[in-house]
Amino acid sequence: MTFGERLKMFRELAGLSQGELARKAGIHRATITAVENGRQANVNVFTARSLARALEISIDMLVGDSESELEPAVA
């Protein structure tokens, strides 16, 4: 699963639109759109941390440090 796919999954689980997540994380909505659509494969650590905090998940869950960490969030 790519970073963008994980971002979209957790955003949808949180019930947030791209715009709402962007406001919560303090980043541009266009960045979220590009990442989720695969046009931007990488984000810097500061952006990833802001997104994880806005989604109220660990950065490890967002970046996919371990596939097993995704199971409780999806189950």
PDB file of N, CA and C in Angstrom:
ATOM      1  N   MET A   1       0.847  -1.172   0.000  1.00  0.00           N
ATOM      2  CA  MET A   1       0.000   0.000   0.000  1.00  0.00           C
ATOM      3  C   MET A   1       0.895   1.238   0.000  1.00  0.00           C
ATOM      4  N   THR A   2       0.622   2.175  -0.886  1.00  0.00           N
ATOM      5  CA  THR A   2       1.435   3.384  -0.975  1.00  0.00           C
ATOM      6  C   THR A   2       1.078   4.371   0.134  1.00  0.00           C
ATOM      7  N   PHE A   3       1.935   5.356   0.310  1.00  0.00           N
ATOM      8  CA  PHE A   3       1.669   6.412   1.292  1.00  0.00           C
ATOM      9  C   PHE A   3       0.351   7.111   0.960  1.00  0.00           C
ATOM     10  N   GLY A   4       0.140   7.417  -0.310  1.00  0.00           N
ATOM     11  CA  GLY A   4      -1.088   8.085  -0.725  1.00  0.00           C
ATOM     12  C   GLY A   4      -2.332   7.258  -0.440  1.00  0.00           C
ATOM     13  N   GLU A   5      -2.238   5.965  -0.663  1.00  0.00           N
ATOM     14  CA  GLU A   5      -3.373   5.072  -0.364  1.00  0.00           C
ATOM     15  C   GLU A   5      -3.659   5.038   1.134  1.00  0.00           C
ATOM     16  N   ARG A   6      -2.591   4.988   1.939  1.00  0.00           N
ATOM     17  CA  ARG A   6      -2.777   4.999   3.394  1.00  0.00           C
ATOM     18  C   ARG A   6      -3.361   6.326   3.848  1.00  0.00           C
ATOM     19  N   LEU A   7      -2.861   7.418   3.281  1.00  0.00           N
ATOM     20  CA  LEU A   7      -3.383   8.734   3.639  1.00  0.00           C
ATOM     21  C   LEU A   7      -4.881   8.811   3.356  1.00  0.00           C
ATOM     22  N   LYS A   8      -5.288   8.379   2.180  1.00  0.00           N
ATOM     23  CA  LYS A   8      -6.706   8.422   1.822  1.00  0.00           C
ATOM     24  C   LYS A   8      -7.533   7.531   2.740  1.00  0.00           C
ATOM     25  N   MET A   9      -7.031   6.331   3.035  1.00  0.00           N
ATOM     26  CA  MET A   9      -7.756   5.408   3.900  1.00  0.00           C
ATOM     27  C   MET A   9      -7.989   6.023   5.281  1.00  0.00           C
ATOM     28  N   PHE A  10      -6.919   6.555   5.887  1.00  0.00           N
ATOM     29  CA  PHE A  10      -7.057   7.129   7.222  1.00  0.00           C
ATOM     30  C   PHE A  10      -7.889   8.410   7.202  1.00  0.00           C
ATOM     31  N   ARG A  11      -7.788   9.195   6.141  1.00  0.00           N
ATOM     32  CA  ARG A  11      -8.601  10.409   6.025  1.00  0.00           C
ATOM     33  C   ARG A  11     -10.077  10.039   5.977  1.00  0.00           C
ATOM     34  N   GLU A  12     -10.411   9.043   5.168  1.00  0.00           N
ATOM     35  CA  GLU A  12     -11.802   8.610   5.056  1.00  0.00           C
ATOM     36  C   GLU A  12     -12.293   7.980   6.356  1.00  0.00           C
ATOM     37  N   LEU A  13     -11.443   7.200   7.028  1.00  0.00           N
ATOM     38  CA  LEU A  13     -11.819   6.629   8.322  1.00  0.00           C
ATOM     39  C   LEU A  13     -12.102   7.719   9.348  1.00  0.00           C
ATOM     40  N   ALA A  14     -11.386   8.831   9.239  1.00  0.00           N
ATOM     41  CA  ALA A  14     -11.595   9.961  10.148  1.00  0.00           C
ATOM     42  C   ALA A  14     -12.804  10.799   9.747  1.00  0.00           C
ATOM     43  N   GLY A  15     -13.373  10.510   8.571  1.00  0.00           N
ATOM     44  CA  GLY A  15     -14.533  11.254   8.108  1.00  0.00           C
ATOM     45  C   GLY A  15     -14.221  12.668   7.667  1.00  0.00           C
ATOM     46  N   LEU A  16     -13.015  12.867   7.156  1.00  0.00           N
ATOM     47  CA  LEU A  16     -12.576  14.202   6.747  1.00  0.00           C
ATOM     48  C   LEU A  16     -12.506  14.314   5.232  1.00  0.00           C
ATOM     49  N   SER A  17     -12.860  15.473   4.724  1.00  0.00           N
ATOM     50  CA  SER A  17     -12.619  15.768   3.313  1.00  0.00           C
ATOM     51  C   SER A  17     -11.150  16.171   3.167  1.00  0.00           C
ATOM     52  N   GLN A  18     -10.694  16.257   1.941  1.00  0.00           N
ATOM     53  CA  GLN A  18      -9.310  16.705   1.724  1.00  0.00           C
ATOM     54  C   GLN A  18      -9.120  18.121   2.261  1.00  0.00           C
ATOM     55  N   GLY A  19     -10.105  18.971   2.056  1.00  0.00           N
ATOM     56  CA  GLY A  19     -10.018  20.350   2.548  1.00  0.00           C
ATOM     57  C   GLY A  19      -9.979  20.429   4.065  1.00  0.00           C
ATOM     58  N   GLU A  20     -10.789  19.609   4.718  1.00  0.00           N
ATOM     59  CA  GLU A  20     -10.796  19.596   6.182  1.00  0.00           C
ATOM     60  C   GLU A  20      -9.466  19.117   6.731  1.00  0.00           C
ATOM     61  N   LEU A  21      -8.924  18.068   6.121  1.00  0.00           N
ATOM     62  CA  LEU A  21      -7.618  17.575   6.563  1.00  0.00           C
ATOM     63  C   LEU A  21      -6.539  18.616   6.326  1.00  0.00           C
ATOM     64  N   ALA A  22      -6.601  19.267   5.192  1.00  0.00           N
ATOM     65  CA  ALA A  22      -5.615  20.308   4.888  1.00  0.00           C
ATOM     66  C   ALA A  22      -5.641  21.414   5.942  1.00  0.00           C
ATOM     67  N   ARG A  23      -6.825  21.866   6.314  1.00  0.00           N
ATOM     68  CA  ARG A  23      -6.938  22.910   7.337  1.00  0.00           C
ATOM     69  C   ARG A  23      -6.409  22.425   8.679  1.00  0.00           C
ATOM     70  N   LYS A  24      -6.774  21.207   9.064  1.00  0.00           N
ATOM     71  CA  LYS A  24      -6.306  20.652  10.339  1.00  0.00           C
ATOM     72  C   LYS A  24      -4.792  20.491  10.374  1.00  0.00           C
ATOM     73  N   ALA A  25      -4.221  20.088   9.242  1.00  0.00           N
ATOM     74  CA  ALA A  25      -2.779  19.820   9.183  1.00  0.00           C
ATOM     75  C   ALA A  25      -1.965  21.068   8.853  1.00  0.00           C
ATOM     76  N   GLY A  26      -2.634  22.114   8.374  1.00  0.00           N
ATOM     77  CA  GLY A  26      -1.914  23.336   8.016  1.00  0.00           C
ATOM     78  C   GLY A  26      -1.120  23.211   6.730  1.00  0.00           C
ATOM     79  N   ILE A  27      -1.653  22.428   5.783  1.00  0.00           N
ATOM     80  CA  ILE A  27      -0.991  22.284   4.486  1.00  0.00           C
ATOM     81  C   ILE A  27      -2.007  22.545   3.375  1.00  0.00           C
ATOM     82  N   HIS A  28      -1.533  22.654   2.152  1.00  0.00           N
ATOM     83  CA  HIS A  28      -2.417  22.924   1.022  1.00  0.00           C
ATOM     84  C   HIS A  28      -3.208  21.678   0.629  1.00  0.00           C
ATOM     85  N   ARG A  29      -4.475  21.881   0.301  1.00  0.00           N
ATOM     86  CA  ARG A  29      -5.317  20.783  -0.163  1.00  0.00           C
ATOM     87  C   ARG A  29      -4.728  20.151  -1.414  1.00  0.00           C
ATOM     88  N   ALA A  30      -4.124  20.955  -2.267  1.00  0.00           N
ATOM     89  CA  ALA A  30      -3.522  20.436  -3.501  1.00  0.00           C
ATOM     90  C   ALA A  30      -2.439  19.397  -3.200  1.00  0.00           C
ATOM     91  N   THR A  31      -1.736  19.564  -2.098  1.00  0.00           N
ATOM     92  CA  THR A  31      -0.718  18.588  -1.708  1.00  0.00           C
ATOM     93  C   THR A  31      -1.367  17.256  -1.373  1.00  0.00           C
ATOM     94  N   ILE A  32      -2.450  17.298  -0.611  1.00  0.00           N
ATOM     95  CA  ILE A  32      -3.158  16.067  -0.249  1.00  0.00           C
ATOM     96  C   ILE A  32      -3.700  15.389  -1.500  1.00  0.00           C
ATOM     97  N   THR A  33      -4.288  16.166  -2.395  1.00  0.00           N
ATOM     98  CA  THR A  33      -4.818  15.620  -3.645  1.00  0.00           C
ATOM     99  C   THR A  33      -3.709  14.944  -4.444  1.00  0.00           C
ATOM    100  N   ALA A  34      -2.579  15.619  -4.586  1.00  0.00           N
ATOM    101  CA  ALA A  34      -1.466  15.070  -5.367  1.00  0.00           C
ATOM    102  C   ALA A  34      -0.930  13.789  -4.751  1.00  0.00           C
ATOM    103  N   VAL A  35      -0.826  13.746  -3.431  1.00  0.00           N
ATOM    104  CA  VAL A  35      -0.313  12.549  -2.760  1.00  0.00           C
ATOM    105  C   VAL A  35      -1.299  11.402  -2.912  1.00  0.00           C
ATOM    106  N   GLU A  36      -2.568  11.665  -2.651  1.00  0.00           N
ATOM    107  CA  GLU A  36      -3.564  10.597  -2.741  1.00  0.00           C
ATOM    108  C   GLU A  36      -3.711  10.059  -4.163  1.00  0.00           C
ATOM    109  N   ASN A  37      -3.531  10.911  -5.162  1.00  0.00           N
ATOM    110  CA  ASN A  37      -3.666  10.494  -6.560  1.00  0.00           C
ATOM    111  C   ASN A  37      -2.374   9.939  -7.145  1.00  0.00           C
ATOM    112  N   GLY A  38      -1.312   9.898  -6.344  1.00  0.00           N
ATOM    113  CA  GLY A  38      -0.049   9.329  -6.797  1.00  0.00           C
ATOM    114  C   GLY A  38       0.804  10.247  -7.642  1.00  0.00           C
ATOM    115  N   ARG A  39       0.405  11.505  -7.773  1.00  0.00           N
ATOM    116  CA  ARG A  39       1.220  12.455  -8.545  1.00  0.00           C
ATOM    117  C   ARG A  39       2.409  12.958  -7.741  1.00  0.00           C
ATOM    118  N   GLN A  40       2.323  12.852  -6.427  1.00  0.00           N
ATOM    119  CA  GLN A  40       3.434  13.208  -5.546  1.00  0.00           C
ATOM    120  C   GLN A  40       3.671  12.007  -4.643  1.00  0.00           C
ATOM    121  N   ALA A  41       4.736  11.287  -4.908  1.00  0.00           N
ATOM    122  CA  ALA A  41       4.979  10.030  -4.190  1.00  0.00           C
ATOM    123  C   ALA A  41       5.543  10.244  -2.794  1.00  0.00           C
ATOM    124  N   ASN A  42       6.263  11.331  -2.585  1.00  0.00           N
ATOM    125  CA  ASN A  42       6.942  11.542  -1.311  1.00  0.00           C
ATOM    126  C   ASN A  42       6.541  12.865  -0.687  1.00  0.00           C
ATOM    127  N   VAL A  43       6.519  12.888   0.638  1.00  0.00           N
ATOM    128  CA  VAL A  43       6.341  14.127   1.388  1.00  0.00           C
ATOM    129  C   VAL A  43       7.469  14.210   2.401  1.00  0.00           C
ATOM    130  N   ASN A  44       7.779  15.415   2.837  1.00  0.00           N
ATOM    131  CA  ASN A  44       8.841  15.533   3.829  1.00  0.00           C
ATOM    132  C   ASN A  44       8.319  15.118   5.206  1.00  0.00           C
ATOM    133  N   VAL A  45       9.215  14.920   6.121  1.00  0.00           N
ATOM    134  CA  VAL A  45       8.860  14.409   7.447  1.00  0.00           C
ATOM    135  C   VAL A  45       7.950  15.377   8.191  1.00  0.00           C
ATOM    136  N   PHE A  46       8.106  16.671   7.975  1.00  0.00           N
ATOM    137  CA  PHE A  46       7.270  17.650   8.661  1.00  0.00           C
ATOM    138  C   PHE A  46       5.824  17.565   8.180  1.00  0.00           C
ATOM    139  N   THR A  47       5.639  17.380   6.879  1.00  0.00           N
ATOM    140  CA  THR A  47       4.298  17.226   6.325  1.00  0.00           C
ATOM    141  C   THR A  47       3.667  15.933   6.805  1.00  0.00           C
ATOM    142  N   ALA A  48       4.426  14.841   6.790  1.00  0.00           N
ATOM    143  CA  ALA A  48       3.911  13.557   7.259  1.00  0.00           C
ATOM    144  C   ALA A  48       3.506  13.648   8.726  1.00  0.00           C
ATOM    145  N   ARG A  49       4.317  14.305   9.525  1.00  0.00           N
ATOM    146  CA  ARG A  49       3.995  14.447  10.951  1.00  0.00           C
ATOM    147  C   ARG A  49       2.743  15.287  11.141  1.00  0.00           C
ATOM    148  N   SER A  50       2.598  16.366  10.387  1.00  0.00           N
ATOM    149  CA  SER A  50       1.402  17.210  10.478  1.00  0.00           C
ATOM    150  C   SER A  50       0.145  16.438  10.089  1.00  0.00           C
ATOM    151  N   LEU A  51       0.257  15.633   9.040  1.00  0.00           N
ATOM    152  CA  LEU A  51      -0.889  14.827   8.606  1.00  0.00           C
ATOM    153  C   LEU A  51      -1.252  13.791   9.661  1.00  0.00           C
ATOM    154  N   ALA A  52      -0.258  13.113  10.207  1.00  0.00           N
ATOM    155  CA  ALA A  52      -0.519  12.096  11.233  1.00  0.00           C
ATOM    156  C   ALA A  52      -1.184  12.723  12.454  1.00  0.00           C
ATOM    157  N   ARG A  53      -0.693  13.857  12.884  1.00  0.00           N
ATOM    158  CA  ARG A  53      -1.295  14.531  14.043  1.00  0.00           C
ATOM    159  C   ARG A  53      -2.729  14.938  13.756  1.00  0.00           C
ATOM    160  N   ALA A  54      -2.975  15.469  12.560  1.00  0.00           N
ATOM    161  CA  ALA A  54      -4.326  15.884  12.191  1.00  0.00           C
ATOM    162  C   ALA A  54      -5.276  14.697  12.134  1.00  0.00           C
ATOM    163  N   LEU A  55      -4.753  13.536  11.742  1.00  0.00           N
ATOM    164  CA  LEU A  55      -5.563  12.319  11.658  1.00  0.00           C
ATOM    165  C   LEU A  55      -5.626  11.575  12.999  1.00  0.00           C
ATOM    166  N   GLU A  56      -4.848  12.057  13.970  1.00  0.00           N
ATOM    167  CA  GLU A  56      -4.790  11.463  15.305  1.00  0.00           C
ATOM    168  C   GLU A  56      -4.343  10.000  15.261  1.00  0.00           C
ATOM    169  N   ILE A  57      -3.292   9.766  14.449  1.00  0.00           N
ATOM    170  CA  ILE A  57      -2.662   8.456  14.355  1.00  0.00           C
ATOM    171  C   ILE A  57      -1.155   8.652  14.480  1.00  0.00           C
ATOM    172  N   SER A  58      -0.441   7.559  14.666  1.00  0.00           N
ATOM    173  CA  SER A  58       1.014   7.668  14.733  1.00  0.00           C
ATOM    174  C   SER A  58       1.577   7.855  13.324  1.00  0.00           C
ATOM    175  N   ILE A  59       2.726   8.462  13.269  1.00  0.00           N
ATOM    176  CA  ILE A  59       3.379   8.634  11.973  1.00  0.00           C
ATOM    177  C   ILE A  59       3.757   7.267  11.402  1.00  0.00           C
ATOM    178  N   ASP A  60       4.084   6.304  12.262  1.00  0.00           N
ATOM    179  CA  ASP A  60       4.396   4.949  11.795  1.00  0.00           C
ATOM    180  C   ASP A  60       3.205   4.337  11.072  1.00  0.00           C
ATOM    181  N   MET A  61       2.002   4.543  11.590  1.00  0.00           N
ATOM    182  CA  MET A  61       0.817   4.015  10.920  1.00  0.00           C
ATOM    183  C   MET A  61       0.644   4.672   9.549  1.00  0.00           C
ATOM    184  N   LEU A  62       0.870   5.981   9.500  1.00  0.00           N
ATOM    185  CA  LEU A  62       0.673   6.701   8.246  1.00  0.00           C
ATOM    186  C   LEU A  62       1.705   6.316   7.195  1.00  0.00           C
ATOM    187  N   VAL A  63       2.943   6.185   7.590  1.00  0.00           N
ATOM    188  CA  VAL A  63       3.973   5.868   6.602  1.00  0.00           C
ATOM    189  C   VAL A  63       4.091   4.373   6.339  1.00  0.00           C
ATOM    190  N   GLY A  64       3.383   3.568   7.121  1.00  0.00           N
ATOM    191  CA  GLY A  64       3.370   2.135   6.862  1.00  0.00           C
ATOM    192  C   GLY A  64       4.587   1.425   7.363  1.00  0.00           C
ATOM    193  N   ASP A  65       5.023   1.779   8.573  1.00  0.00           N
ATOM    194  CA  ASP A  65       6.191   1.133   9.160  1.00  0.00           C
ATOM    195  C   ASP A  65       5.979  -0.370   9.286  1.00  0.00           C
ATOM    196  N   SER A  66       4.727  -0.765   9.543  1.00  0.00           N
ATOM    197  CA  SER A  66       4.426  -2.184   9.673  1.00  0.00           C
ATOM    198  C   SER A  66       2.993  -2.416   9.221  1.00  0.00           C
ATOM    199  N   GLU A  67       2.817  -3.344   8.317  1.00  0.00           N
ATOM    200  CA  GLU A  67       1.459  -3.653   7.836  1.00  0.00           C
ATOM    201  C   GLU A  67       0.562  -4.101   8.976  1.00  0.00           C
ATOM    202  N   SER A  68       1.122  -4.757   9.985  1.00  0.00           N
ATOM    203  CA  SER A  68       0.291  -5.235  11.087  1.00  0.00           C
ATOM    204  C   SER A  68      -0.301  -4.084  11.879  1.00  0.00           C
ATOM    205  N   GLU A  69       0.329  -2.899  11.827  1.00  0.00           N
ATOM    206  CA  GLU A  69      -0.219  -1.757  12.545  1.00  0.00           C
ATOM    207  C   GLU A  69      -1.500  -1.243  11.917  1.00  0.00           C
ATOM    208  N   LEU A  70      -1.735  -1.584  10.662  1.00  0.00           N
ATOM    209  CA  LEU A  70      -2.956  -1.123   9.989  1.00  0.00           C
ATOM    210  C   LEU A  70      -4.171  -1.950  10.388  1.00  0.00           C
ATOM    211  N   GLU A  71      -3.956  -3.181  10.786  1.00  0.00           N
ATOM    212  CA  GLU A  71      -5.083  -4.069  11.057  1.00  0.00           C
ATOM    213  C   GLU A  71      -6.061  -3.538  12.096  1.00  0.00           C
ATOM    214  N   PRO A  72      -5.625  -3.027  13.266  1.00  0.00           N
ATOM    215  CA  PRO A  72      -6.606  -2.542  14.242  1.00  0.00           C
ATOM    216  C   PRO A  72      -7.421  -1.361  13.715  1.00  0.00           C
ATOM    217  N   ALA A  73      -6.817  -0.511  12.896  1.00  0.00           N
ATOM    218  CA  ALA A  73      -7.524   0.652  12.384  1.00  0.00           C
ATOM    219  C   ALA A  73      -8.573   0.259  11.360  1.00  0.00           C
ATOM    220  N   VAL A  74      -8.350  -0.808  10.639  1.00  0.00           N
ATOM    221  CA  VAL A  74      -9.267  -1.232   9.571  1.00  0.00           C
ATOM    222  C   VAL A  74     -10.315  -2.197  10.118  1.00  0.00           C
ATOM    223  N   ALA A  75      -9.943  -2.991  11.088  1.00  0.00           N
ATOM    224  CA  ALA A  75     -10.842  -4.028  11.628  1.00  0.00           C
ATOM    225  C   ALA A  75     -12.026  -3.444  12.361  1.00  0.00           C
TER     226      ALA A  75
END
